[in-house]
């Protein structure tokens, strides 16, 4: 992502080597899956089926709690009464639906034809069915979101650049990506296993570092408004059921990791700076 060609191998999982860039400290996979292969995986609905199995019966929880929290976080940073929002990789559309319920003007982007049709049918929300970077938008948006998207694309920087071009001044780009700086990545260096949620072998190609977030902020005239981590590091490592008392302790440990920005996923809120602001006199 920073065009540096120097890296060091940190671990191998499921036939993929994970290398750390010596300049920006991000992690990336070798070999790197070709762009056309990824496009097929996401456009034919295969990945959505996989995600549904991974999430299981928690969809109701996601809709009622997790997606609502995403909305409230953005709402607290956007002062406009009825902002326009574009959700890239909108999947099942639950986040779009919550935003629409609260009076926001929403559109989605997803390469899967079935996902696009379901969202239109279930929520009456228009979804552009294509690769985001190939769509020619005729308007700009106040908020652009990418939940679990940038780690899957072949060129995340190009995607952010285009999102920035169609973002209104003062608007927000918000994304969630796996972290290269987390407790979990350090654990994998010493104790190797195949954690589906964090690694997703062959699907998560890039893991973001604080250094690359600073570079994105600087290169695209953005300001980091807020940064947090949302991790399941401990749960993913242990993968067992415990009593409520022990589970509570595990959650408390994870809360501390998140407070230290060591959880396995970054949630990033970037505001586009206002340029060439004119002052009008009476």
C-alpha atoms as a PDB file:
ATOM      1  CA  UNK A   1       0.000   0.000   0.000  1.00  0.00           C
ATOM      2  CA  UNK A   2       2.971   2.335   0.446  1.00  0.00           C
ATOM      3  CA  UNK A   3       4.837   1.051  -2.666  1.00  0.00           C
ATOM      4  CA  UNK A   4       7.706  -0.318  -0.582  1.00  0.00           C
ATOM      5  CA  UNK A   5       9.186  -3.548  -1.931  1.00  0.00           C
ATOM      6  CA  UNK A   6      10.911  -4.589   1.308  1.00  0.00           C
ATOM      7  CA  UNK A   7       9.164  -6.929   3.714  1.00  0.00           C
ATOM      8  CA  UNK A   8       9.781  -9.716   6.196  1.00  0.00           C
ATOM      9  CA  UNK A   9       7.791 -12.941   6.578  1.00  0.00           C
ATOM     10  CA  UNK A  10       6.068 -13.152   9.970  1.00  0.00           C
ATOM     11  CA  UNK A  11       3.979 -16.360   9.766  1.00  0.00           C
ATOM     12  CA  UNK A  12       2.371 -18.887   7.380  1.00  0.00           C
ATOM     13  CA  UNK A  13      -1.207 -20.202   7.529  1.00  0.00           C
ATOM     14  CA  UNK A  14      -3.088 -22.504   5.112  1.00  0.00           C
ATOM     15  CA  UNK A  15      -0.452 -22.232   2.383  1.00  0.00           C
ATOM     16  CA  UNK A  16      -0.266 -18.427   2.500  1.00  0.00           C
ATOM     17  CA  UNK A  17       2.718 -16.481   3.788  1.00  0.00           C
ATOM     18  CA  UNK A  18       2.027 -13.255   5.669  1.00  0.00           C
ATOM     19  CA  UNK A  19       4.629 -10.534   5.215  1.00  0.00           C
ATOM     20  CA  UNK A  20       5.096  -7.289   7.123  1.00  0.00           C
ATOM     21  CA  UNK A  21       6.046  -4.221   5.094  1.00  0.00           C
ATOM     22  CA  UNK A  22       9.253  -2.757   6.510  1.00  0.00           C
ATOM     23  CA  UNK A  23       8.067   0.801   5.820  1.00  0.00           C
ATOM     24  CA  UNK A  24       4.379   1.036   6.765  1.00  0.00           C
ATOM     25  CA  UNK A  25       4.199  -2.124   8.965  1.00  0.00           C
ATOM     26  CA  UNK A  26       1.041  -3.427   7.245  1.00  0.00           C
ATOM     27  CA  UNK A  27       0.642  -7.178   6.684  1.00  0.00           C
ATOM     28  CA  UNK A  28      -0.163  -8.726   3.329  1.00  0.00           C
ATOM     29  CA  UNK A  29      -0.441 -12.215   1.836  1.00  0.00           C
ATOM     30  CA  UNK A  30       1.880 -14.021  -0.547  1.00  0.00           C
ATOM     31  CA  UNK A  31       0.889 -15.384  -2.990  1.00  0.00           C
ATOM     32  CA  UNK A  32      -1.650 -12.653  -3.707  1.00  0.00           C
ATOM     33  CA  UNK A  33      -4.935 -13.836  -5.234  1.00  0.00           C
ATOM     34  CA  UNK A  34      -5.556 -12.344  -8.656  1.00  0.00           C
ATOM     35  CA  UNK A  35      -8.204  -9.631  -8.920  1.00  0.00           C
ATOM     36  CA  UNK A  36     -10.418 -11.592 -11.335  1.00  0.00           C
ATOM     37  CA  UNK A  37     -10.618 -14.538  -8.930  1.00  0.00           C
ATOM     38  CA  UNK A  38     -11.743 -12.254  -6.108  1.00  0.00           C
ATOM     39  CA  UNK A  39     -14.321 -10.573  -8.364  1.00  0.00           C
ATOM     40  CA  UNK A  40     -15.870 -13.954  -9.187  1.00  0.00           C
ATOM     41  CA  UNK A  41     -15.972 -14.979  -5.532  1.00  0.00           C
ATOM     42  CA  UNK A  42     -17.908 -11.867  -4.471  1.00  0.00           C
ATOM     43  CA  UNK A  43     -20.132 -11.403  -7.532  1.00  0.00           C
ATOM     44  CA  UNK A  44     -21.539 -14.947  -7.693  1.00  0.00           C
ATOM     45  CA  UNK A  45     -22.739 -14.899  -4.088  1.00  0.00           C
ATOM     46  CA  UNK A  46     -20.264 -17.534  -2.805  1.00  0.00           C
ATOM     47  CA  UNK A  47     -18.761 -15.185  -0.255  1.00  0.00           C
ATOM     48  CA  UNK A  48     -22.170 -14.119   1.058  1.00  0.00           C
ATOM     49  CA  UNK A  49     -23.110 -17.770   1.678  1.00  0.00           C
ATOM     50  CA  UNK A  50     -19.833 -18.209   3.559  1.00  0.00           C
ATOM     51  CA  UNK A  51     -20.491 -15.080   5.633  1.00  0.00           C
ATOM     52  CA  UNK A  52     -24.012 -16.249   6.487  1.00  0.00           C
ATOM     53  CA  UNK A  53     -22.607 -19.538   7.830  1.00  0.00           C
ATOM     54  CA  UNK A  54     -19.902 -17.695   9.774  1.00  0.00           C
ATOM     55  CA  UNK A  55     -22.378 -15.313  11.378  1.00  0.00           C
ATOM     56  CA  UNK A  56     -25.016 -18.002  11.900  1.00  0.00           C
ATOM     57  CA  UNK A  57     -27.985 -17.009  14.044  1.00  0.00           C
ATOM     58  CA  UNK A  58     -26.468 -13.722  15.182  1.00  0.00           C
ATOM     59  CA  UNK A  59     -28.061 -11.713  12.328  1.00  0.00           C
ATOM     60  CA  UNK A  60     -30.755 -10.385  14.629  1.00  0.00           C
ATOM     61  CA  UNK A  61     -28.122  -9.252  17.123  1.00  0.00           C
ATOM     62  CA  UNK A  62     -26.087  -7.631  14.337  1.00  0.00           C
ATOM     63  CA  UNK A  63     -29.122  -5.729  13.100  1.00  0.00           C
ATOM     64  CA  UNK A  64     -30.325  -4.686  16.523  1.00  0.00           C
ATOM     65  CA  UNK A  65     -27.023  -3.850  18.215  1.00  0.00           C
ATOM     66  CA  UNK A  66     -23.876  -3.805  16.069  1.00  0.00           C
ATOM     67  CA  UNK A  67     -25.323  -2.084  13.004  1.00  0.00           C
ATOM     68  CA  UNK A  68     -27.198   0.424  15.160  1.00  0.00           C
ATOM     69  CA  UNK A  69     -23.979   1.300  16.995  1.00  0.00           C
ATOM     70  CA  UNK A  70     -22.256   1.983  13.654  1.00  0.00           C
ATOM     71  CA  UNK A  71     -25.076   4.350  12.719  1.00  0.00           C
ATOM     72  CA  UNK A  72     -24.974   6.190  16.059  1.00  0.00           C
ATOM     73  CA  UNK A  73     -21.198   6.613  15.892  1.00  0.00           C
ATOM     74  CA  UNK A  74     -21.423   8.282  12.484  1.00  0.00           C
ATOM     75  CA  UNK A  75     -24.489  10.310  13.426  1.00  0.00           C
ATOM     76  CA  UNK A  76     -22.561  11.853  16.330  1.00  0.00           C
ATOM     77  CA  UNK A  77     -19.900  13.064  13.895  1.00  0.00           C
ATOM     78  CA  UNK A  78     -22.205  14.293  11.097  1.00  0.00           C
ATOM     79  CA  UNK A  79     -24.230  17.388  11.905  1.00  0.00           C
ATOM     80  CA  UNK A  80     -26.328  17.403   8.730  1.00  0.00           C
ATOM     81  CA  UNK A  81     -29.985  16.571   9.401  1.00  0.00           C
ATOM     82  CA  UNK A  82     -30.507  14.101   6.532  1.00  0.00           C
ATOM     83  CA  UNK A  83     -27.096  13.183   5.094  1.00  0.00           C
ATOM     84  CA  UNK A  84     -26.528  11.130   1.963  1.00  0.00           C
ATOM     85  CA  UNK A  85     -24.723   7.829   2.517  1.00  0.00           C
ATOM     86  CA  UNK A  86     -23.118   5.281   0.203  1.00  0.00           C
ATOM     87  CA  UNK A  87     -22.351   1.864   1.727  1.00  0.00           C
ATOM     88  CA  UNK A  88     -19.774  -0.037  -0.345  1.00  0.00           C
ATOM     89  CA  UNK A  89     -20.015  -3.820  -0.043  1.00  0.00           C
ATOM     90  CA  UNK A  90     -23.417  -3.521   1.592  1.00  0.00           C
ATOM     91  CA  UNK A  91     -24.051  -7.302   1.824  1.00  0.00           C
ATOM     92  CA  UNK A  92     -27.460  -7.999   3.362  1.00  0.00           C
ATOM     93  CA  UNK A  93     -28.281  -4.284   3.666  1.00  0.00           C
ATOM     94  CA  UNK A  94     -29.030  -4.178   7.402  1.00  0.00           C
ATOM     95  CA  UNK A  95     -26.836  -1.120   7.987  1.00  0.00           C
ATOM     96  CA  UNK A  96     -28.455   0.705   5.051  1.00  0.00           C
ATOM     97  CA  UNK A  97     -31.900  -0.136   6.418  1.00  0.00           C
ATOM     98  CA  UNK A  98     -31.136   1.355   9.852  1.00  0.00           C
ATOM     99  CA  UNK A  99     -29.781   4.545   8.250  1.00  0.00           C
ATOM    100  CA  UNK A 100     -32.863   4.804   6.012  1.00  0.00           C
ATOM    101  CA  UNK A 101     -35.179   4.321   9.006  1.00  0.00           C
ATOM    102  CA  UNK A 102     -33.556   7.372  10.570  1.00  0.00           C
ATOM    103  CA  UNK A 103     -34.226   9.600   7.572  1.00  0.00           C
ATOM    104  CA  UNK A 104     -30.882   9.322   5.769  1.00  0.00           C
ATOM    105  CA  UNK A 105     -30.691   9.223   1.952  1.00  0.00           C
ATOM    106  CA  UNK A 106     -28.958   5.912   1.270  1.00  0.00           C
ATOM    107  CA  UNK A 107     -27.533   3.911  -1.622  1.00  0.00           C
ATOM    108  CA  UNK A 108     -25.406   0.785  -1.694  1.00  0.00           C
ATOM    109  CA  UNK A 109     -22.768  -0.909  -3.820  1.00  0.00           C
ATOM    110  CA  UNK A 110     -22.325  -4.670  -4.046  1.00  0.00           C
ATOM    111  CA  UNK A 111     -20.960  -6.950  -6.785  1.00  0.00           C
ATOM    112  CA  UNK A 112     -23.495  -9.682  -6.001  1.00  0.00           C
ATOM    113  CA  UNK A 113     -26.710  -9.558  -8.131  1.00  0.00           C
ATOM    114  CA  UNK A 114     -28.639 -11.578  -5.536  1.00  0.00           C
ATOM    115  CA  UNK A 115     -27.661  -9.231  -2.694  1.00  0.00           C
ATOM    116  CA  UNK A 116     -28.644  -6.181  -4.757  1.00  0.00           C
ATOM    117  CA  UNK A 117     -32.071  -7.632  -5.578  1.00  0.00           C
ATOM    118  CA  UNK A 118     -32.745  -8.684  -1.974  1.00  0.00           C
ATOM    119  CA  UNK A 119     -31.953  -5.236  -0.595  1.00  0.00           C
ATOM    120  CA  UNK A 120     -34.224  -3.572  -3.155  1.00  0.00           C
ATOM    121  CA  UNK A 121     -37.013  -6.057  -2.423  1.00  0.00           C
ATOM    122  CA  UNK A 122     -36.675  -6.063   1.382  1.00  0.00           C
ATOM    123  CA  UNK A 123     -35.785  -2.424   2.078  1.00  0.00           C
ATOM    124  CA  UNK A 124     -36.560  -0.519  -1.152  1.00  0.00           C
ATOM    125  CA  UNK A 125     -32.955   0.745  -1.297  1.00  0.00           C
ATOM    126  CA  UNK A 126     -31.119   1.150  -4.595  1.00  0.00           C
ATOM    127  CA  UNK A 127     -27.875  -0.820  -4.882  1.00  0.00           C
ATOM    128  CA  UNK A 128     -25.344  -0.348  -7.679  1.00  0.00           C
ATOM    129  CA  UNK A 129     -24.482  -3.911  -8.710  1.00  0.00           C
ATOM    130  CA  UNK A 130     -20.843  -3.681  -9.845  1.00  0.00           C
ATOM    131  CA  UNK A 131     -17.240  -3.161  -8.776  1.00  0.00           C
ATOM    132  CA  UNK A 132     -17.213   0.186  -6.931  1.00  0.00           C
ATOM    133  CA  UNK A 133     -14.174   1.466  -8.832  1.00  0.00           C
ATOM    134  CA  UNK A 134     -15.925   0.918 -12.197  1.00  0.00           C
ATOM    135  CA  UNK A 135     -19.085   2.894 -11.366  1.00  0.00           C
ATOM    136  CA  UNK A 136     -19.338   6.480 -12.663  1.00  0.00           C
ATOM    137  CA  UNK A 137     -21.170   8.415  -9.943  1.00  0.00           C
ATOM    138  CA  UNK A 138     -22.849  11.677 -10.951  1.00  0.00           C
ATOM    139  CA  UNK A 139     -23.136  13.036  -7.426  1.00  0.00           C
ATOM    140  CA  UNK A 140     -21.223  13.241  -4.165  1.00  0.00           C
ATOM    141  CA  UNK A 141     -22.062  11.865  -0.737  1.00  0.00           C
ATOM    142  CA  UNK A 142     -21.803  13.082   2.857  1.00  0.00           C
ATOM    143  CA  UNK A 143     -20.801   9.666   4.216  1.00  0.00           C
ATOM    144  CA  UNK A 144     -19.109   6.699   2.512  1.00  0.00           C
ATOM    145  CA  UNK A 145     -18.763   3.467   4.481  1.00  0.00           C
ATOM    146  CA  UNK A 146     -16.747   0.307   3.831  1.00  0.00           C
ATOM    147  CA  UNK A 147     -17.431  -2.327   6.498  1.00  0.00           C
ATOM    148  CA  UNK A 148     -15.001  -5.236   6.035  1.00  0.00           C
ATOM    149  CA  UNK A 149     -14.277  -4.370   2.394  1.00  0.00           C
ATOM    150  CA  UNK A 150     -10.778  -2.929   1.966  1.00  0.00           C
ATOM    151  CA  UNK A 151      -9.003  -6.088   3.157  1.00  0.00           C
ATOM    152  CA  UNK A 152     -10.604  -7.982   0.240  1.00  0.00           C
ATOM    153  CA  UNK A 153      -9.802  -5.674  -2.685  1.00  0.00           C
ATOM    154  CA  UNK A 154      -6.619  -5.800  -4.749  1.00  0.00           C
ATOM    155  CA  UNK A 155      -5.850  -2.083  -4.388  1.00  0.00           C
ATOM    156  CA  UNK A 156      -7.295  -0.530  -1.200  1.00  0.00           C
ATOM    157  CA  UNK A 157      -5.550   2.817  -1.772  1.00  0.00           C
ATOM    158  CA  UNK A 158      -7.197   3.192  -5.187  1.00  0.00           C
ATOM    159  CA  UNK A 159     -10.590   2.453  -3.602  1.00  0.00           C
ATOM    160  CA  UNK A 160     -10.056   5.073  -0.881  1.00  0.00           C
ATOM    161  CA  UNK A 161      -8.867   7.587  -3.489  1.00  0.00           C
ATOM    162  CA  UNK A 162     -12.050   7.165  -5.542  1.00  0.00           C
ATOM    163  CA  UNK A 163     -14.247   7.303  -2.419  1.00  0.00           C
ATOM    164  CA  UNK A 164     -12.554  10.579  -1.497  1.00  0.00           C
ATOM    165  CA  UNK A 165     -13.275  11.999  -4.961  1.00  0.00           C
ATOM    166  CA  UNK A 166     -17.024  11.476  -4.570  1.00  0.00           C
ATOM    167  CA  UNK A 167     -17.137  12.690  -0.959  1.00  0.00           C
ATOM    168  CA  UNK A 168     -18.430  16.152  -0.047  1.00  0.00           C
ATOM    169  CA  UNK A 169     -16.089  18.517   1.812  1.00  0.00           C
ATOM    170  CA  UNK A 170     -16.595  17.971   5.530  1.00  0.00           C
ATOM    171  CA  UNK A 171     -17.947  14.479   4.815  1.00  0.00           C
ATOM    172  CA  UNK A 172     -16.795  11.203   6.377  1.00  0.00           C
ATOM    173  CA  UNK A 173     -15.137   8.055   5.071  1.00  0.00           C
ATOM    174  CA  UNK A 174     -15.646   5.270   7.608  1.00  0.00           C
ATOM    175  CA  UNK A 175     -14.158   1.800   7.311  1.00  0.00           C
ATOM    176  CA  UNK A 176     -13.439  -1.296   9.358  1.00  0.00           C
ATOM    177  CA  UNK A 177     -10.401  -3.451   8.552  1.00  0.00           C
ATOM    178  CA  UNK A 178      -8.308  -6.148  10.247  1.00  0.00           C
ATOM    179  CA  UNK A 179      -5.412  -4.690  12.220  1.00  0.00           C
ATOM    180  CA  UNK A 180      -1.734  -5.505  11.698  1.00  0.00           C
ATOM    181  CA  UNK A 181      -0.991  -4.060  15.151  1.00  0.00           C
ATOM    182  CA  UNK A 182      -3.290  -6.236  17.230  1.00  0.00           C
ATOM    183  CA  UNK A 183      -2.654  -8.667  20.060  1.00  0.00           C
ATOM    184  CA  UNK A 184      -3.856 -11.508  17.823  1.00  0.00           C
ATOM    185  CA  UNK A 185      -1.208 -10.922  15.124  1.00  0.00           C
ATOM    186  CA  UNK A 186       1.487 -11.095  17.810  1.00  0.00           C
ATOM    187  CA  UNK A 187      -0.037 -14.330  19.139  1.00  0.00           C
ATOM    188  CA  UNK A 188       0.090 -15.897  15.653  1.00  0.00           C
ATOM    189  CA  UNK A 189       3.814 -15.208  15.391  1.00  0.00           C
ATOM    190  CA  UNK A 190       4.430 -17.552  18.341  1.00  0.00           C
ATOM    191  CA  UNK A 191       1.448 -19.932  18.307  1.00  0.00           C
ATOM    192  CA  UNK A 192       0.360 -20.763  14.786  1.00  0.00           C
ATOM    193  CA  UNK A 193      -3.150 -21.941  13.943  1.00  0.00           C
ATOM    194  CA  UNK A 194      -5.862 -21.067  11.397  1.00  0.00           C
ATOM    195  CA  UNK A 195      -8.329 -18.526  12.867  1.00  0.00           C
ATOM    196  CA  UNK A 196     -11.139 -18.202  10.339  1.00  0.00           C
ATOM    197  CA  UNK A 197     -12.567 -14.901  11.501  1.00  0.00           C
ATOM    198  CA  UNK A 198      -9.370 -12.834  11.544  1.00  0.00           C
ATOM    199  CA  UNK A 199      -7.293 -14.452   8.772  1.00  0.00           C
ATOM    200  CA  UNK A 200      -9.937 -15.765   6.327  1.00  0.00           C
ATOM    201  CA  UNK A 201      -7.183 -17.403   4.282  1.00  0.00           C
ATOM    202  CA  UNK A 202      -7.197 -16.225   0.680  1.00  0.00           C
ATOM    203  CA  UNK A 203      -9.845 -13.589   1.371  1.00  0.00           C
ATOM    204  CA  UNK A 204      -8.209 -11.180   3.816  1.00  0.00           C
ATOM    205  CA  UNK A 205      -5.261  -9.971   1.756  1.00  0.00           C
ATOM    206  CA  UNK A 206      -4.197  -6.857   3.678  1.00  0.00           C
ATOM    207  CA  UNK A 207      -4.073  -5.997   7.398  1.00  0.00           C
ATOM    208  CA  UNK A 208      -3.818  -2.288   8.166  1.00  0.00           C
ATOM    209  CA  UNK A 209      -1.294  -0.616  10.469  1.00  0.00           C
ATOM    210  CA  UNK A 210      -1.417   2.748  12.253  1.00  0.00           C
ATOM    211  CA  UNK A 211       1.353   3.911   9.927  1.00  0.00           C
ATOM    212  CA  UNK A 212      -0.720   3.265   6.791  1.00  0.00           C
ATOM    213  CA  UNK A 213      -3.722   5.008   8.374  1.00  0.00           C
ATOM    214  CA  UNK A 214      -1.534   8.095   8.941  1.00  0.00           C
ATOM    215  CA  UNK A 215      -0.367   7.939   5.311  1.00  0.00           C
ATOM    216  CA  UNK A 216      -3.968   7.728   4.052  1.00  0.00           C
ATOM    217  CA  UNK A 217      -4.889  10.701   6.251  1.00  0.00           C
ATOM    218  CA  UNK A 218      -2.024  12.796   4.879  1.00  0.00           C
ATOM    219  CA  UNK A 219      -2.190  11.777   1.209  1.00  0.00           C
ATOM    220  CA  UNK A 220      -5.919  12.411   0.789  1.00  0.00           C
ATOM    221  CA  UNK A 221      -6.386  15.587   2.838  1.00  0.00           C
ATOM    222  CA  UNK A 222      -8.341  13.749   5.515  1.00  0.00           C
ATOM    223  CA  UNK A 223      -8.467  14.199   9.268  1.00  0.00           C
ATOM    224  CA  UNK A 224      -8.673  11.241  11.634  1.00  0.00           C
ATOM    225  CA  UNK A 225     -11.699  12.100  13.776  1.00  0.00           C
ATOM    226  CA  UNK A 226     -11.873   8.872  15.742  1.00  0.00           C
ATOM    227  CA  UNK A 227     -10.155   5.475  15.877  1.00  0.00           C
ATOM    228  CA  UNK A 228     -11.098   2.378  17.840  1.00  0.00           C
ATOM    229  CA  UNK A 229     -10.577  -1.366  17.737  1.00  0.00           C
ATOM    230  CA  UNK A 230     -13.309  -3.981  17.839  1.00  0.00           C
ATOM    231  CA  UNK A 231     -11.751  -7.302  18.671  1.00  0.00           C
ATOM    232  CA  UNK A 232     -12.617 -10.889  19.412  1.00  0.00           C
ATOM    233  CA  UNK A 233      -8.968 -11.812  19.955  1.00  0.00           C
ATOM    234  CA  UNK A 234      -9.418 -13.849  23.129  1.00  0.00           C
ATOM    235  CA  UNK A 235     -12.625 -15.598  22.018  1.00  0.00           C
ATOM    236  CA  UNK A 236     -11.085 -16.554  18.652  1.00  0.00           C
ATOM    237  CA  UNK A 237      -7.993 -18.015  20.313  1.00  0.00           C
ATOM    238  CA  UNK A 238      -9.878 -20.050  22.944  1.00  0.00           C
ATOM    239  CA  UNK A 239     -12.914 -21.123  20.865  1.00  0.00           C
ATOM    240  CA  UNK A 240     -14.727 -22.773  23.764  1.00  0.00           C
ATOM    241  CA  UNK A 241     -17.872 -22.265  25.820  1.00  0.00           C
ATOM    242  CA  UNK A 242     -17.393 -21.155  29.438  1.00  0.00           C
ATOM    243  CA  UNK A 243     -19.515 -20.263  32.430  1.00  0.00           C
ATOM    244  CA  UNK A 244     -20.975 -16.764  32.469  1.00  0.00           C
ATOM    245  CA  UNK A 245     -18.449 -15.694  35.124  1.00  0.00           C
ATOM    246  CA  UNK A 246     -15.420 -16.708  33.006  1.00  0.00           C
ATOM    247  CA  UNK A 247     -17.015 -15.320  29.839  1.00  0.00           C
ATOM    248  CA  UNK A 248     -17.442 -11.977  31.571  1.00  0.00           C
ATOM    249  CA  UNK A 249     -13.741 -11.962  32.471  1.00  0.00           C
ATOM    250  CA  UNK A 250     -12.797 -12.746  28.867  1.00  0.00           C
ATOM    251  CA  UNK A 251     -14.968  -9.839  27.677  1.00  0.00           C
ATOM    252  CA  UNK A 252     -13.337  -7.560  30.261  1.00  0.00           C
ATOM    253  CA  UNK A 253      -9.864  -8.528  29.005  1.00  0.00           C
ATOM    254  CA  UNK A 254     -10.984  -7.779  25.441  1.00  0.00           C
ATOM    255  CA  UNK A 255     -12.309  -4.385  26.534  1.00  0.00           C
ATOM    256  CA  UNK A 256      -8.850  -3.510  27.853  1.00  0.00           C
ATOM    257  CA  UNK A 257      -7.229  -4.663  24.585  1.00  0.00           C
ATOM    258  CA  UNK A 258      -9.655  -2.436  22.679  1.00  0.00           C
ATOM    259  CA  UNK A 259      -8.908   0.514  24.975  1.00  0.00           C
ATOM    260  CA  UNK A 260      -5.226   0.028  24.101  1.00  0.00           C
ATOM    261  CA  UNK A 261      -6.107  -0.166  20.353  1.00  0.00           C
ATOM    262  CA  UNK A 262      -4.911  -3.779  20.310  1.00  0.00           C
ATOM    263  CA  UNK A 263      -8.163  -5.439  19.177  1.00  0.00           C
ATOM    264  CA  UNK A 264      -8.073  -7.368  15.910  1.00  0.00           C
ATOM    265  CA  UNK A 265     -10.070  -4.868  13.781  1.00  0.00           C
ATOM    266  CA  UNK A 266      -9.658  -1.114  13.377  1.00  0.00           C
ATOM    267  CA  UNK A 267     -12.737   1.091  12.948  1.00  0.00           C
ATOM    268  CA  UNK A 268     -11.603   4.311  11.285  1.00  0.00           C
ATOM    269  CA  UNK A 269     -13.460   7.641  10.950  1.00  0.00           C
ATOM    270  CA  UNK A 270     -11.846  10.105   8.509  1.00  0.00           C
ATOM    271  CA  UNK A 271     -13.235  13.554   7.697  1.00  0.00           C
ATOM    272  CA  UNK A 272     -12.541  15.304   4.411  1.00  0.00           C
ATOM    273  CA  UNK A 273     -11.058  18.716   5.111  1.00  0.00           C
ATOM    274  CA  UNK A 274     -12.836  21.767   3.713  1.00  0.00           C
ATOM    275  CA  UNK A 275     -10.678  23.448   1.081  1.00  0.00           C
ATOM    276  CA  UNK A 276     -10.946  26.845  -0.567  1.00  0.00           C
ATOM    277  CA  UNK A 277     -13.581  28.016   1.864  1.00  0.00           C
ATOM    278  CA  UNK A 278     -14.943  31.354   0.655  1.00  0.00           C
ATOM    279  CA  UNK A 279     -15.964  34.136   3.015  1.00  0.00           C
ATOM    280  CA  UNK A 280     -18.945  36.125   1.848  1.00  0.00           C
ATOM    281  CA  UNK A 281     -19.470  39.650   3.147  1.00  0.00           C
ATOM    282  CA  UNK A 282     -22.781  41.454   3.310  1.00  0.00           C
END
